[in-house]
Amino acid sequence: MQPNAVLGIRRDPTMRPLGRVWRVGALLIGSSHEATGRVWATGSITRVTEPGRAQFQSVSAEVRRAYRAAAAKGRFAAGDTVNHGAVPITVDDALFGSDGVLFIADEVPLVRWSPAAGSAVPLADYLSDRVGLLVDPPPGATD
């Protein structure tokens, strides 16, 4: 979030929490009071750490540093994972024939890994698979 200038002086961007979510592959599913019942298509992710000094080694490294700095200025605890740039998904009739990550075709809710992905899987199978991996990760996945 780009804060308003104070007395003509621009301030650094800051991220602010909108609620807790479960990251389930291509979807963020609301898990806190503020986010219950809400769904988003995943965007980017950063961890709240000290952003460090600008090194100007690469543009991508500086972008990641700027995201860490914005997260550190927000009301997040050190070490928190912050999802940002997520796109809200309205769960209504607009899902019929949608070209987004979550859509409905032939009365079946489906999920794509990304809007550009051609194939999709039924939402029930997708959630069963993804949650199964979170609950019971394969050997070596958490080491």
C-alpha atoms as a PDB file:
ATOM      1  CA  MET A   1       0.000   0.000   0.000  1.00  0.00           C
ATOM      2  CA  GLN A   2       1.454   3.371  -0.997  1.00  0.00           C
ATOM      3  CA  PRO A   3       0.859   5.802   1.918  1.00  0.00           C
ATOM      4  CA  ASN A   4      -0.207   9.388   1.300  1.00  0.00           C
ATOM      5  CA  ALA A   5       2.485  12.030   1.340  1.00  0.00           C
ATOM      6  CA  VAL A   6       2.781  14.017   4.577  1.00  0.00           C
ATOM      7  CA  LEU A   7       3.688  17.694   4.080  1.00  0.00           C
ATOM      8  CA  GLY A   8       4.715  16.807   0.531  1.00  0.00           C
ATOM      9  CA  ILE A   9       7.159  14.097   1.657  1.00  0.00           C
ATOM     10  CA  ARG A  10       6.589  10.649   0.178  1.00  0.00           C
ATOM     11  CA  ARG A  11       6.679   7.743   2.587  1.00  0.00           C
ATOM     12  CA  ASP A  12       7.766   4.186   1.906  1.00  0.00           C
ATOM     13  CA  PRO A  13       5.069   1.629   0.995  1.00  0.00           C
ATOM     14  CA  THR A  14       3.663  -0.478   3.830  1.00  0.00           C
ATOM     15  CA  MET A  15       1.743  -3.745   3.762  1.00  0.00           C
ATOM     16  CA  ARG A  16      -1.199  -4.153   6.093  1.00  0.00           C
ATOM     17  CA  PRO A  17      -2.855  -7.379   7.220  1.00  0.00           C
ATOM     18  CA  LEU A  18      -6.295  -8.158   5.815  1.00  0.00           C
ATOM     19  CA  GLY A  19      -6.742 -11.484   7.590  1.00  0.00           C
ATOM     20  CA  ARG A  20      -5.224 -14.943   7.892  1.00  0.00           C
ATOM     21  CA  VAL A  21      -5.472 -17.442   5.052  1.00  0.00           C
ATOM     22  CA  TRP A  22      -4.550 -20.998   4.198  1.00  0.00           C
ATOM     23  CA  ARG A  23      -2.395 -21.133   1.063  1.00  0.00           C
ATOM     24  CA  VAL A  24      -3.681 -24.162  -0.809  1.00  0.00           C
ATOM     25  CA  GLY A  25      -1.742 -24.197  -4.069  1.00  0.00           C
ATOM     26  CA  ALA A  26      -3.308 -21.701  -6.459  1.00  0.00           C
ATOM     27  CA  LEU A  27      -5.898 -20.554  -3.889  1.00  0.00           C
ATOM     28  CA  LEU A  28      -5.830 -18.583  -0.655  1.00  0.00           C
ATOM     29  CA  ILE A  29      -8.721 -19.578   1.590  1.00  0.00           C
ATOM     30  CA  GLY A  30      -9.756 -17.273   4.442  1.00  0.00           C
ATOM     31  CA  SER A  31      -9.170 -18.714   7.914  1.00  0.00           C
ATOM     32  CA  SER A  32      -9.597 -15.751  10.251  1.00  0.00           C
ATOM     33  CA  HIS A  33     -12.633 -13.740  11.325  1.00  0.00           C
ATOM     34  CA  GLU A  34     -11.796 -10.988   8.812  1.00  0.00           C
ATOM     35  CA  ALA A  35     -11.273 -13.406   5.934  1.00  0.00           C
ATOM     36  CA  THR A  36     -13.754 -16.236   6.590  1.00  0.00           C
ATOM     37  CA  GLY A  37     -15.617 -17.271   3.458  1.00  0.00           C
ATOM     38  CA  ARG A  38     -13.282 -15.337   1.164  1.00  0.00           C
ATOM     39  CA  VAL A  39     -11.097 -16.814  -1.582  1.00  0.00           C
ATOM     40  CA  TRP A  40      -8.235 -15.329  -3.595  1.00  0.00           C
ATOM     41  CA  ALA A  41      -6.052 -16.449  -6.481  1.00  0.00           C
ATOM     42  CA  THR A  42      -2.510 -16.530  -5.108  1.00  0.00           C
ATOM     43  CA  GLY A  43      -0.156 -13.715  -5.937  1.00  0.00           C
ATOM     44  CA  SER A  44       3.344 -13.327  -4.512  1.00  0.00           C
ATOM     45  CA  ILE A  45       4.745 -14.279  -1.137  1.00  0.00           C
ATOM     46  CA  THR A  46       7.371 -12.779   1.158  1.00  0.00           C
ATOM     47  CA  ARG A  47       8.622 -13.490   4.644  1.00  0.00           C
ATOM     48  CA  VAL A  48       8.806 -10.743   7.268  1.00  0.00           C
ATOM     49  CA  THR A  49      12.523 -10.283   7.856  1.00  0.00           C
ATOM     50  CA  GLU A  50      14.899  -7.377   8.117  1.00  0.00           C
ATOM     51  CA  PRO A  51      15.071  -6.133   4.502  1.00  0.00           C
ATOM     52  CA  GLY A  52      18.756  -5.245   4.628  1.00  0.00           C
ATOM     53  CA  ARG A  53      20.453  -2.483   2.682  1.00  0.00           C
ATOM     54  CA  ALA A  54      20.074  -1.859  -1.026  1.00  0.00           C
ATOM     55  CA  GLN A  55      22.765  -3.755  -2.941  1.00  0.00           C
ATOM     56  CA  PHE A  56      21.632  -2.994  -6.503  1.00  0.00           C
ATOM     57  CA  GLN A  57      22.868  -6.409  -7.666  1.00  0.00           C
ATOM     58  CA  SER A  58      19.733  -7.102  -9.664  1.00  0.00           C
ATOM     59  CA  VAL A  59      16.305  -5.606 -10.154  1.00  0.00           C
ATOM     60  CA  SER A  60      14.583  -8.775  -8.891  1.00  0.00           C
ATOM     61  CA  ALA A  61      16.660  -8.775  -5.676  1.00  0.00           C
ATOM     62  CA  GLU A  62      15.753  -5.117  -5.056  1.00  0.00           C
ATOM     63  CA  VAL A  63      12.052  -5.833  -5.662  1.00  0.00           C
ATOM     64  CA  ARG A  64      12.183  -8.683  -3.120  1.00  0.00           C
ATOM     65  CA  ARG A  65      14.003  -6.390  -0.661  1.00  0.00           C
ATOM     66  CA  ALA A  66      11.314  -3.711  -1.140  1.00  0.00           C
ATOM     67  CA  TYR A  67       8.580  -6.273  -0.413  1.00  0.00           C
ATOM     68  CA  ARG A  68      10.401  -7.396   2.760  1.00  0.00           C
ATOM     69  CA  ALA A  69      10.735  -3.749   3.815  1.00  0.00           C
ATOM     70  CA  ALA A  70       7.019  -3.064   3.225  1.00  0.00           C
ATOM     71  CA  ALA A  71       6.079  -6.201   5.182  1.00  0.00           C
ATOM     72  CA  ALA A  72       8.434  -5.284   8.038  1.00  0.00           C
ATOM     73  CA  LYS A  73       6.750  -1.844   8.287  1.00  0.00           C
ATOM     74  CA  GLY A  74       3.312  -3.468   8.484  1.00  0.00           C
ATOM     75  CA  ARG A  75       1.814  -5.074  11.566  1.00  0.00           C
ATOM     76  CA  PHE A  76       3.275  -8.515  10.979  1.00  0.00           C
ATOM     77  CA  ALA A  77       5.370 -10.576  13.369  1.00  0.00           C
ATOM     78  CA  ALA A  78       8.959 -11.368  12.425  1.00  0.00           C
ATOM     79  CA  GLY A  79       9.050 -14.602  10.454  1.00  0.00           C
ATOM     80  CA  ASP A  80       5.423 -14.334   9.278  1.00  0.00           C
ATOM     81  CA  THR A  81       4.664 -15.306   5.700  1.00  0.00           C
ATOM     82  CA  VAL A  82       2.838 -12.549   3.826  1.00  0.00           C
ATOM     83  CA  ASN A  83       0.792 -13.208   0.693  1.00  0.00           C
ATOM     84  CA  HIS A  84       0.447 -10.101  -1.455  1.00  0.00           C
ATOM     85  CA  GLY A  85      -0.822  -9.264  -4.902  1.00  0.00           C
ATOM     86  CA  ALA A  86      -3.586 -11.855  -4.512  1.00  0.00           C
ATOM     87  CA  VAL A  87      -6.682 -11.391  -6.641  1.00  0.00           C
ATOM     88  CA  PRO A  88     -10.053 -11.716  -4.875  1.00  0.00           C
ATOM     89  CA  ILE A  89     -12.404 -14.317  -6.301  1.00  0.00           C
ATOM     90  CA  THR A  90     -16.089 -13.521  -5.962  1.00  0.00           C
ATOM     91  CA  VAL A  91     -17.959 -16.733  -5.240  1.00  0.00           C
ATOM     92  CA  ASP A  92     -21.149 -16.167  -7.205  1.00  0.00           C
ATOM     93  CA  ASP A  93     -22.655 -16.758 -10.652  1.00  0.00           C
ATOM     94  CA  ALA A  94     -19.656 -15.018 -12.261  1.00  0.00           C
ATOM     95  CA  LEU A  95     -17.737 -18.296 -11.782  1.00  0.00           C
ATOM     96  CA  PHE A  96     -19.815 -19.946 -14.535  1.00  0.00           C
ATOM     97  CA  GLY A  97     -17.561 -19.962 -17.597  1.00  0.00           C
ATOM     98  CA  SER A  98     -14.936 -17.745 -15.897  1.00  0.00           C
ATOM     99  CA  ASP A  99     -11.395 -17.794 -17.262  1.00  0.00           C
ATOM    100  CA  GLY A 100      -9.861 -17.411 -13.781  1.00  0.00           C
ATOM    101  CA  VAL A 101      -8.216 -19.919 -11.463  1.00  0.00           C
ATOM    102  CA  LEU A 102     -11.558 -20.972  -9.930  1.00  0.00           C
ATOM    103  CA  PHE A 103     -14.539 -21.490 -12.231  1.00  0.00           C
ATOM    104  CA  ILE A 104     -17.611 -23.620 -12.852  1.00  0.00           C
ATOM    105  CA  ALA A 105     -18.162 -25.713 -15.969  1.00  0.00           C
ATOM    106  CA  ASP A 106     -21.015 -28.199 -16.442  1.00  0.00           C
ATOM    107  CA  GLU A 107     -22.169 -27.458 -12.854  1.00  0.00           C
ATOM    108  CA  VAL A 108     -18.782 -28.622 -11.457  1.00  0.00           C
ATOM    109  CA  PRO A 109     -16.405 -26.235  -9.624  1.00  0.00           C
ATOM    110  CA  LEU A 110     -12.923 -26.534 -11.145  1.00  0.00           C
ATOM    111  CA  VAL A 111      -9.448 -25.177 -10.345  1.00  0.00           C
ATOM    112  CA  ARG A 112      -6.620 -24.247 -12.710  1.00  0.00           C
ATOM    113  CA  TRP A 113      -3.056 -23.752 -11.460  1.00  0.00           C
ATOM    114  CA  SER A 114      -3.092 -20.375 -13.188  1.00  0.00           C
ATOM    115  CA  PRO A 115      -5.462 -18.441 -15.455  1.00  0.00           C
ATOM    116  CA  ALA A 116      -3.186 -19.367 -18.381  1.00  0.00           C
ATOM    117  CA  ALA A 117      -3.304 -23.109 -17.640  1.00  0.00           C
ATOM    118  CA  GLY A 118      -5.400 -25.037 -20.113  1.00  0.00           C
ATOM    119  CA  SER A 119      -6.362 -27.975 -17.909  1.00  0.00           C
ATOM    120  CA  ALA A 120      -8.328 -27.937 -14.677  1.00  0.00           C
ATOM    121  CA  VAL A 121      -9.291 -30.405 -11.954  1.00  0.00           C
ATOM    122  CA  PRO A 122     -12.476 -30.673  -9.890  1.00  0.00           C
ATOM    123  CA  LEU A 123     -12.276 -28.489  -6.774  1.00  0.00           C
ATOM    124  CA  ALA A 124     -13.086 -31.428  -4.433  1.00  0.00           C
ATOM    125  CA  ASP A 125     -10.214 -33.533  -5.855  1.00  0.00           C
ATOM    126  CA  TYR A 126      -7.872 -30.530  -5.829  1.00  0.00           C
ATOM    127  CA  LEU A 127      -8.584 -29.704  -2.165  1.00  0.00           C
ATOM    128  CA  SER A 128      -8.361 -33.362  -1.129  1.00  0.00           C
ATOM    129  CA  ASP A 129      -4.953 -33.694  -2.809  1.00  0.00           C
ATOM    130  CA  ARG A 130      -3.508 -30.359  -1.596  1.00  0.00           C
ATOM    131  CA  VAL A 131      -4.788 -30.661   1.982  1.00  0.00           C
ATOM    132  CA  GLY A 132      -3.617 -34.272   2.076  1.00  0.00           C
ATOM    133  CA  LEU A 133      -0.095 -33.100   1.224  1.00  0.00           C
ATOM    134  CA  LEU A 134      -0.234 -30.455   3.966  1.00  0.00           C
ATOM    135  CA  VAL A 135      -1.533 -32.891   6.605  1.00  0.00           C
ATOM    136  CA  ASP A 136       0.665 -35.846   5.613  1.00  0.00           C
ATOM    137  CA  PRO A 137       3.660 -34.584   3.610  1.00  0.00           C
ATOM    138  CA  PRO A 138       5.737 -37.121   1.683  1.00  0.00           C
ATOM    139  CA  PRO A 139       8.989 -38.310   3.329  1.00  0.00           C
ATOM    140  CA  GLY A 140      11.726 -35.670   3.108  1.00  0.00           C
ATOM    141  CA  ALA A 141       9.373 -32.807   2.226  1.00  0.00           C
ATOM    142  CA  THR A 142       9.707 -31.122   5.613  1.00  0.00           C
ATOM    143  CA  ASP A 143      13.419 -31.702   6.216  1.00  0.00           C
END
